[in-house]
Amino acid sequence: QEFIKKELTEDLNPASLEALSLIAYLGPLPRARLDYLRGVNSSFILRNLMMRGLVERNPDPERPAVMLYRATIDLWKHLGVEAQDRMPEYEKFKTLGSIEESAAT
């Protein structure tokens, strides 16, 4: 109990902030895409972000075996924005994400 309590009350580390930023700007994302963008396995970080209520996981409607990670309403409230497209410089980062995704395929 102490371990979980400590894990949920500590500040987010740089790796968690990186993953959260990618999900907030480019999400919903499958874990494989997040792993590719970060260059490392993101399983532990995703679990931590979900436990904190910042990220949620839902099945991809087009590929039921794939789970998509997206920011929660609680994250938007915490950031003071109503939705993903209200994030600072959202269009710039969404465009960069699309270009990068096209290059990867």
C-alpha atoms as a PDB file:
ATOM      1  CA  GLN A   1       0.000   0.000   0.000  1.00  0.00           C
ATOM      2  CA  GLU A   2       2.841   2.377   0.823  1.00  0.00           C
ATOM      3  CA  PHE A   3       4.488   1.702  -2.543  1.00  0.00           C
ATOM      4  CA  ILE A   4       1.294   2.402  -4.509  1.00  0.00           C
ATOM      5  CA  LYS A   5       0.511   5.492  -2.438  1.00  0.00           C
ATOM      6  CA  LYS A   6       4.019   6.840  -3.018  1.00  0.00           C
ATOM      7  CA  GLU A   7       3.817   6.030  -6.736  1.00  0.00           C
ATOM      8  CA  LEU A   8       0.569   7.973  -7.129  1.00  0.00           C
ATOM      9  CA  THR A   9       1.549  11.032  -5.089  1.00  0.00           C
ATOM     10  CA  GLU A  10       5.021  11.706  -6.472  1.00  0.00           C
ATOM     11  CA  ASP A  11       5.521  14.180  -9.302  1.00  0.00           C
ATOM     12  CA  LEU A  12       5.590  12.760 -12.810  1.00  0.00           C
ATOM     13  CA  ASN A  13       9.093  11.964 -13.998  1.00  0.00           C
ATOM     14  CA  PRO A  14      10.415  13.178 -17.380  1.00  0.00           C
ATOM     15  CA  ALA A  15       9.604   9.872 -19.095  1.00  0.00           C
ATOM     16  CA  SER A  16       5.975  10.044 -17.892  1.00  0.00           C
ATOM     17  CA  LEU A  17       5.678  13.664 -19.001  1.00  0.00           C
ATOM     18  CA  GLU A  18       7.071  12.733 -22.413  1.00  0.00           C
ATOM     19  CA  ALA A  19       4.539   9.924 -22.859  1.00  0.00           C
ATOM     20  CA  LEU A  20       1.694  12.081 -21.555  1.00  0.00           C
ATOM     21  CA  SER A  21       2.607  14.882 -23.960  1.00  0.00           C
ATOM     22  CA  LEU A  22       2.644  12.517 -26.928  1.00  0.00           C
ATOM     23  CA  ILE A  23      -0.743  11.098 -25.958  1.00  0.00           C
ATOM     24  CA  ALA A  24      -2.194  14.561 -25.324  1.00  0.00           C
ATOM     25  CA  TYR A  25      -1.076  15.946 -28.686  1.00  0.00           C
ATOM     26  CA  LEU A  26      -1.117  12.895 -30.970  1.00  0.00           C
ATOM     27  CA  GLY A  27      -3.616  10.590 -29.255  1.00  0.00           C
ATOM     28  CA  PRO A  28      -5.382   8.390 -29.347  1.00  0.00           C
ATOM     29  CA  LEU A  29      -2.314   6.235 -29.903  1.00  0.00           C
ATOM     30  CA  PRO A  30      -1.665   2.492 -29.786  1.00  0.00           C
ATOM     31  CA  ARG A  31       1.101   1.492 -27.380  1.00  0.00           C
ATOM     32  CA  ALA A  32       3.287   0.283 -30.266  1.00  0.00           C
ATOM     33  CA  ARG A  33       3.236   3.781 -31.798  1.00  0.00           C
ATOM     34  CA  LEU A  34       4.032   5.395 -28.451  1.00  0.00           C
ATOM     35  CA  ASP A  35       6.913   2.941 -27.966  1.00  0.00           C
ATOM     36  CA  TYR A  36       8.196   3.768 -31.452  1.00  0.00           C
ATOM     37  CA  LEU A  37       8.045   7.531 -30.872  1.00  0.00           C
ATOM     38  CA  ARG A  38       9.750   7.275 -27.483  1.00  0.00           C
ATOM     39  CA  GLY A  39      12.219   4.573 -28.526  1.00  0.00           C
ATOM     40  CA  VAL A  40      11.539   2.502 -25.395  1.00  0.00           C
ATOM     41  CA  ASN A  41       8.833   0.286 -23.903  1.00  0.00           C
ATOM     42  CA  SER A  42       6.067   2.401 -22.350  1.00  0.00           C
ATOM     43  CA  SER A  43       4.038  -0.279 -20.532  1.00  0.00           C
ATOM     44  CA  PHE A  44       5.000   0.743 -16.999  1.00  0.00           C
ATOM     45  CA  ILE A  45       4.511   4.438 -17.714  1.00  0.00           C
ATOM     46  CA  LEU A  46       1.095   3.847 -19.289  1.00  0.00           C
ATOM     47  CA  ARG A  47       0.019   1.812 -16.271  1.00  0.00           C
ATOM     48  CA  ASN A  48       1.114   4.612 -13.965  1.00  0.00           C
ATOM     49  CA  LEU A  49      -0.669   7.288 -16.024  1.00  0.00           C
ATOM     50  CA  MET A  50      -3.856   5.197 -16.080  1.00  0.00           C
ATOM     51  CA  MET A  51      -3.695   4.669 -12.300  1.00  0.00           C
ATOM     52  CA  ARG A  52      -3.460   8.440 -11.876  1.00  0.00           C
ATOM     53  CA  GLY A  53      -6.505   8.925 -14.100  1.00  0.00           C
ATOM     54  CA  LEU A  54      -4.618  10.946 -16.726  1.00  0.00           C
ATOM     55  CA  VAL A  55      -4.846   8.402 -19.548  1.00  0.00           C
ATOM     56  CA  GLU A  56      -7.527   5.884 -20.501  1.00  0.00           C
ATOM     57  CA  ARG A  57      -7.377   2.790 -22.685  1.00  0.00           C
ATOM     58  CA  ASN A  58     -10.080   1.803 -25.177  1.00  0.00           C
ATOM     59  CA  PRO A  59     -10.234  -0.740 -28.020  1.00  0.00           C
ATOM     60  CA  ASP A  60      -9.555   0.567 -31.509  1.00  0.00           C
ATOM     61  CA  PRO A  61     -12.867   0.422 -33.400  1.00  0.00           C
ATOM     62  CA  GLU A  62     -11.040  -0.554 -36.600  1.00  0.00           C
ATOM     63  CA  ARG A  63      -8.750  -3.176 -35.013  1.00  0.00           C
ATOM     64  CA  PRO A  64     -10.383  -4.732 -31.902  1.00  0.00           C
ATOM     65  CA  ALA A  65      -7.155  -6.439 -30.780  1.00  0.00           C
ATOM     66  CA  VAL A  66      -5.388  -3.059 -30.528  1.00  0.00           C
ATOM     67  CA  MET A  67      -5.857  -0.754 -27.551  1.00  0.00           C
ATOM     68  CA  LEU A  68      -5.701   3.026 -27.973  1.00  0.00           C
ATOM     69  CA  TYR A  69      -4.509   5.377 -25.247  1.00  0.00           C
ATOM     70  CA  ARG A  70      -6.050   8.828 -24.942  1.00  0.00           C
ATOM     71  CA  ALA A  71      -6.015  11.682 -22.461  1.00  0.00           C
ATOM     72  CA  THR A  72      -8.866  11.780 -19.950  1.00  0.00           C
ATOM     73  CA  ILE A  73     -11.230  14.616 -19.198  1.00  0.00           C
ATOM     74  CA  ASP A  74      -9.439  14.940 -15.847  1.00  0.00           C
ATOM     75  CA  LEU A  75      -6.195  15.705 -17.674  1.00  0.00           C
ATOM     76  CA  TRP A  76      -7.882  18.383 -19.778  1.00  0.00           C
ATOM     77  CA  LYS A  77      -9.367  19.919 -16.605  1.00  0.00           C
ATOM     78  CA  HIS A  78      -5.965  19.831 -14.893  1.00  0.00           C
ATOM     79  CA  LEU A  79      -4.368  21.546 -17.912  1.00  0.00           C
ATOM     80  CA  GLY A  80      -7.175  24.096 -18.098  1.00  0.00           C
ATOM     81  CA  VAL A  81      -8.300  23.231 -21.639  1.00  0.00           C
ATOM     82  CA  GLU A  82     -11.634  21.918 -22.864  1.00  0.00           C
ATOM     83  CA  ALA A  83     -10.327  19.434 -25.418  1.00  0.00           C
ATOM     84  CA  GLN A  84      -7.305  18.170 -27.322  1.00  0.00           C
ATOM     85  CA  ASP A  85      -7.613  20.724 -30.119  1.00  0.00           C
ATOM     86  CA  ARG A  86      -7.349  23.535 -27.534  1.00  0.00           C
ATOM     87  CA  MET A  87      -3.801  22.548 -26.531  1.00  0.00           C
ATOM     88  CA  PRO A  88      -1.127  25.197 -27.234  1.00  0.00           C
ATOM     89  CA  GLU A  89       0.245  24.821 -30.765  1.00  0.00           C
ATOM     90  CA  TYR A  90      -1.958  21.750 -31.315  1.00  0.00           C
ATOM     91  CA  GLU A  91      -2.135  22.087 -35.114  1.00  0.00           C
ATOM     92  CA  LYS A  92       1.657  22.330 -35.397  1.00  0.00           C
ATOM     93  CA  PHE A  93       2.252  19.154 -33.387  1.00  0.00           C
ATOM     94  CA  LYS A  94      -0.604  17.243 -35.022  1.00  0.00           C
ATOM     95  CA  THR A  95       0.876  18.069 -38.447  1.00  0.00           C
ATOM     96  CA  LEU A  96       4.358  16.973 -37.329  1.00  0.00           C
ATOM     97  CA  GLY A  97       2.893  13.730 -35.974  1.00  0.00           C
ATOM     98  CA  SER A  98       1.111  13.046 -39.256  1.00  0.00           C
ATOM     99  CA  ILE A  99       4.256  13.706 -41.287  1.00  0.00           C
ATOM    100  CA  GLU A 100       6.302  11.451 -39.021  1.00  0.00           C
ATOM    101  CA  GLU A 101       3.660   8.693 -39.183  1.00  0.00           C
ATOM    102  CA  SER A 102       3.629   8.851 -42.993  1.00  0.00           C
ATOM    103  CA  ALA A 103       7.405   8.524 -43.097  1.00  0.00           C
ATOM    104  CA  ALA A 104       7.300   5.467 -40.821  1.00  0.00           C
ATOM    105  CA  THR A 105       4.914   3.552 -43.082  1.00  0.00           C
END
